[in-house]
Amino acid sequence: MTSRSCGVGIRVNQRLITGFRAIKECDAFCLRTCREFEGDFYDYLEAQFQKPVLLTGPVLSLEKGPKLLEERWADWFAGFEAGSMVFCAFGSQWAFGKDQFQGLC
């Protein structure tokens, strides 16, 4: 796999052209979410592009019962007084600007 196939070195305008071409030629959108989470976005896509939007729902673990944290994280969380911390998970694709991160803090 070359770096170009990973998107490195492709200009923004080429990415947009390729993306719009794919949207124009596709028959439907398929998103890994559900109406309860992304209802407004779902409605917007369907209205904007006049294509059906198929929702697969959130991907949940197939394991039965609660999944335990890794010991290192369980120990770290245990170091805080109950009710004194807020845990936020933004996923691996989220990137904060400095001002956004400081605002969150």
C-alpha atoms as a PDB file:
ATOM      1  CA  MET A   1       0.000   0.000   0.000  1.00  0.00           C
ATOM      2  CA  THR A   2       1.490   3.330  -0.980  1.00  0.00           C
ATOM      3  CA  SER A   3       1.159   6.500   1.032  1.00  0.00           C
ATOM      4  CA  ARG A   4      -0.943   7.983  -1.794  1.00  0.00           C
ATOM      5  CA  SER A   5      -3.522   5.225  -1.389  1.00  0.00           C
ATOM      6  CA  CYS A   6      -3.841   6.238   2.266  1.00  0.00           C
ATOM      7  CA  GLY A   7      -4.748   9.792   1.285  1.00  0.00           C
ATOM      8  CA  VAL A   8      -1.343  11.348   1.917  1.00  0.00           C
ATOM      9  CA  GLY A   9      -0.460  13.903  -0.737  1.00  0.00           C
ATOM     10  CA  ILE A  10      -4.000  14.279  -2.103  1.00  0.00           C
ATOM     11  CA  ARG A  11      -5.136  17.884  -2.242  1.00  0.00           C
ATOM     12  CA  VAL A  12      -8.300  18.999  -0.473  1.00  0.00           C
ATOM     13  CA  ASN A  13     -10.075  19.906  -3.714  1.00  0.00           C
ATOM     14  CA  GLN A  14      -9.397  16.404  -5.100  1.00  0.00           C
ATOM     15  CA  ARG A  15     -10.811  14.850  -1.917  1.00  0.00           C
ATOM     16  CA  LEU A  16     -13.954  16.966  -2.286  1.00  0.00           C
ATOM     17  CA  ILE A  17     -14.398  16.112  -5.961  1.00  0.00           C
ATOM     18  CA  THR A  18     -13.967  12.404  -5.220  1.00  0.00           C
ATOM     19  CA  GLY A  19     -16.390  12.590  -2.268  1.00  0.00           C
ATOM     20  CA  PHE A  20     -19.069  14.450  -4.220  1.00  0.00           C
ATOM     21  CA  ARG A  21     -18.734  12.028  -7.132  1.00  0.00           C
ATOM     22  CA  ALA A  22     -19.217   9.100  -4.749  1.00  0.00           C
ATOM     23  CA  ILE A  23     -22.287  10.747  -3.203  1.00  0.00           C
ATOM     24  CA  LYS A  24     -23.786  11.448  -6.630  1.00  0.00           C
ATOM     25  CA  GLU A  25     -23.242   7.880  -7.826  1.00  0.00           C
ATOM     26  CA  CYS A  26     -24.272   5.989  -4.689  1.00  0.00           C
ATOM     27  CA  ASP A  27     -27.726   4.467  -4.189  1.00  0.00           C
ATOM     28  CA  ALA A  28     -27.929   5.008  -0.423  1.00  0.00           C
ATOM     29  CA  PHE A  29     -25.989   6.006   2.666  1.00  0.00           C
ATOM     30  CA  CYS A  30     -25.277   3.473   5.383  1.00  0.00           C
ATOM     31  CA  LEU A  31     -24.284   4.849   8.788  1.00  0.00           C
ATOM     32  CA  ARG A  32     -23.252   3.083  11.981  1.00  0.00           C
ATOM     33  CA  THR A  33     -25.648   4.984  14.238  1.00  0.00           C
ATOM     34  CA  CYS A  34     -29.321   5.059  15.175  1.00  0.00           C
ATOM     35  CA  ARG A  35     -32.143   7.590  14.865  1.00  0.00           C
ATOM     36  CA  GLU A  36     -32.044   8.323  18.609  1.00  0.00           C
ATOM     37  CA  PHE A  37     -28.401   9.488  18.354  1.00  0.00           C
ATOM     38  CA  GLU A  38     -28.279  11.179  14.950  1.00  0.00           C
ATOM     39  CA  GLY A  39     -31.886  11.867  13.951  1.00  0.00           C
ATOM     40  CA  ASP A  40     -31.345  15.431  12.720  1.00  0.00           C
ATOM     41  CA  PHE A  41     -28.277  14.476  10.676  1.00  0.00           C
ATOM     42  CA  TYR A  42     -30.148  11.479   9.205  1.00  0.00           C
ATOM     43  CA  ASP A  43     -33.043  13.715   8.145  1.00  0.00           C
ATOM     44  CA  TYR A  44     -30.652  16.291   6.644  1.00  0.00           C
ATOM     45  CA  LEU A  45     -28.774  13.721   4.533  1.00  0.00           C
ATOM     46  CA  GLU A  46     -31.970  12.159   3.241  1.00  0.00           C
ATOM     47  CA  ALA A  47     -33.493  15.535   2.306  1.00  0.00           C
ATOM     48  CA  GLN A  48     -30.294  17.066   0.912  1.00  0.00           C
ATOM     49  CA  PHE A  49     -29.271  14.182  -1.325  1.00  0.00           C
ATOM     50  CA  GLN A  50     -32.672  12.528  -1.978  1.00  0.00           C
ATOM     51  CA  LYS A  51     -31.230   9.106  -1.135  1.00  0.00           C
ATOM     52  CA  PRO A  52     -32.263   6.585   1.505  1.00  0.00           C
ATOM     53  CA  VAL A  53     -30.199   6.473   4.676  1.00  0.00           C
ATOM     54  CA  LEU A  54     -29.764   3.052   6.245  1.00  0.00           C
ATOM     55  CA  LEU A  55     -28.918   3.017   9.941  1.00  0.00           C
ATOM     56  CA  THR A  56     -27.131  -0.037  11.320  1.00  0.00           C
ATOM     57  CA  GLY A  57     -27.371   0.983  14.973  1.00  0.00           C
ATOM     58  CA  PRO A  58     -24.477   1.324  17.381  1.00  0.00           C
ATOM     59  CA  VAL A  59     -21.988  -1.518  17.424  1.00  0.00           C
ATOM     60  CA  LEU A  60     -22.135  -3.116  20.843  1.00  0.00           C
ATOM     61  CA  SER A  61     -20.057  -5.881  22.338  1.00  0.00           C
ATOM     62  CA  LEU A  62     -21.404  -9.409  21.938  1.00  0.00           C
ATOM     63  CA  GLU A  63     -20.049 -10.349  25.358  1.00  0.00           C
ATOM     64  CA  LYS A  64     -22.707 -10.922  27.983  1.00  0.00           C
ATOM     65  CA  GLY A  65     -22.545  -8.971  31.208  1.00  0.00           C
ATOM     66  CA  PRO A  66     -20.548  -5.867  32.070  1.00  0.00           C
ATOM     67  CA  LYS A  67     -17.096  -5.593  30.566  1.00  0.00           C
ATOM     68  CA  LEU A  68     -14.417  -4.876  33.145  1.00  0.00           C
ATOM     69  CA  LEU A  69     -11.917  -2.089  32.675  1.00  0.00           C
ATOM     70  CA  GLU A  70      -8.273  -2.911  32.260  1.00  0.00           C
ATOM     71  CA  GLU A  71      -6.693  -2.972  35.699  1.00  0.00           C
ATOM     72  CA  ARG A  72      -4.538   0.104  35.015  1.00  0.00           C
ATOM     73  CA  TRP A  73      -7.625   2.196  34.183  1.00  0.00           C
ATOM     74  CA  ALA A  74      -9.692   0.810  37.049  1.00  0.00           C
ATOM     75  CA  ASP A  75      -6.853   1.763  39.435  1.00  0.00           C
ATOM     76  CA  TRP A  76      -6.556   5.233  37.912  1.00  0.00           C
ATOM     77  CA  PHE A  77     -10.313   5.948  38.181  1.00  0.00           C
ATOM     78  CA  ALA A  78     -10.330   4.592  41.749  1.00  0.00           C
ATOM     79  CA  GLY A  79      -7.898   7.362  42.718  1.00  0.00           C
ATOM     80  CA  PHE A  80     -10.675   9.968  42.470  1.00  0.00           C
ATOM     81  CA  GLU A  81     -13.380  10.655  45.027  1.00  0.00           C
ATOM     82  CA  ALA A  82     -16.795   9.387  43.905  1.00  0.00           C
ATOM     83  CA  GLY A  83     -18.696  12.078  41.993  1.00  0.00           C
ATOM     84  CA  SER A  84     -15.613  14.303  41.561  1.00  0.00           C
ATOM     85  CA  MET A  85     -14.771  13.472  37.942  1.00  0.00           C
ATOM     86  CA  VAL A  86     -16.467  13.598  34.554  1.00  0.00           C
ATOM     87  CA  PHE A  87     -15.254  11.129  31.936  1.00  0.00           C
ATOM     88  CA  CYS A  88     -15.700  12.189  28.287  1.00  0.00           C
ATOM     89  CA  ALA A  89     -14.962   9.890  25.346  1.00  0.00           C
ATOM     90  CA  PHE A  90     -14.874  11.607  21.960  1.00  0.00           C
ATOM     91  CA  GLY A  91     -13.616   8.730  19.810  1.00  0.00           C
ATOM     92  CA  SER A  92     -10.438   8.375  17.839  1.00  0.00           C
ATOM     93  CA  GLN A  93     -11.355  10.837  15.076  1.00  0.00           C
ATOM     94  CA  TRP A  94     -11.928  13.898  17.243  1.00  0.00           C
ATOM     95  CA  ALA A  95      -9.220  16.575  17.261  1.00  0.00           C
ATOM     96  CA  PHE A  96      -9.504  19.610  19.534  1.00  0.00           C
ATOM     97  CA  GLY A  97      -7.952  22.967  18.870  1.00  0.00           C
ATOM     98  CA  LYS A  98      -6.075  24.470  21.816  1.00  0.00           C
ATOM     99  CA  ASP A  99      -8.900  26.907  22.620  1.00  0.00           C
ATOM    100  CA  GLN A 100     -11.499  24.140  22.426  1.00  0.00           C
ATOM    101  CA  PHE A 101      -9.493  21.908  24.753  1.00  0.00           C
ATOM    102  CA  GLN A 102      -8.968  24.745  27.227  1.00  0.00           C
ATOM    103  CA  GLY A 103     -12.691  25.569  27.078  1.00  0.00           C
ATOM    104  CA  LEU A 104     -13.565  21.960  27.854  1.00  0.00           C
ATOM    105  CA  CYS A 105     -11.160  21.948  30.793  1.00  0.00           C
END
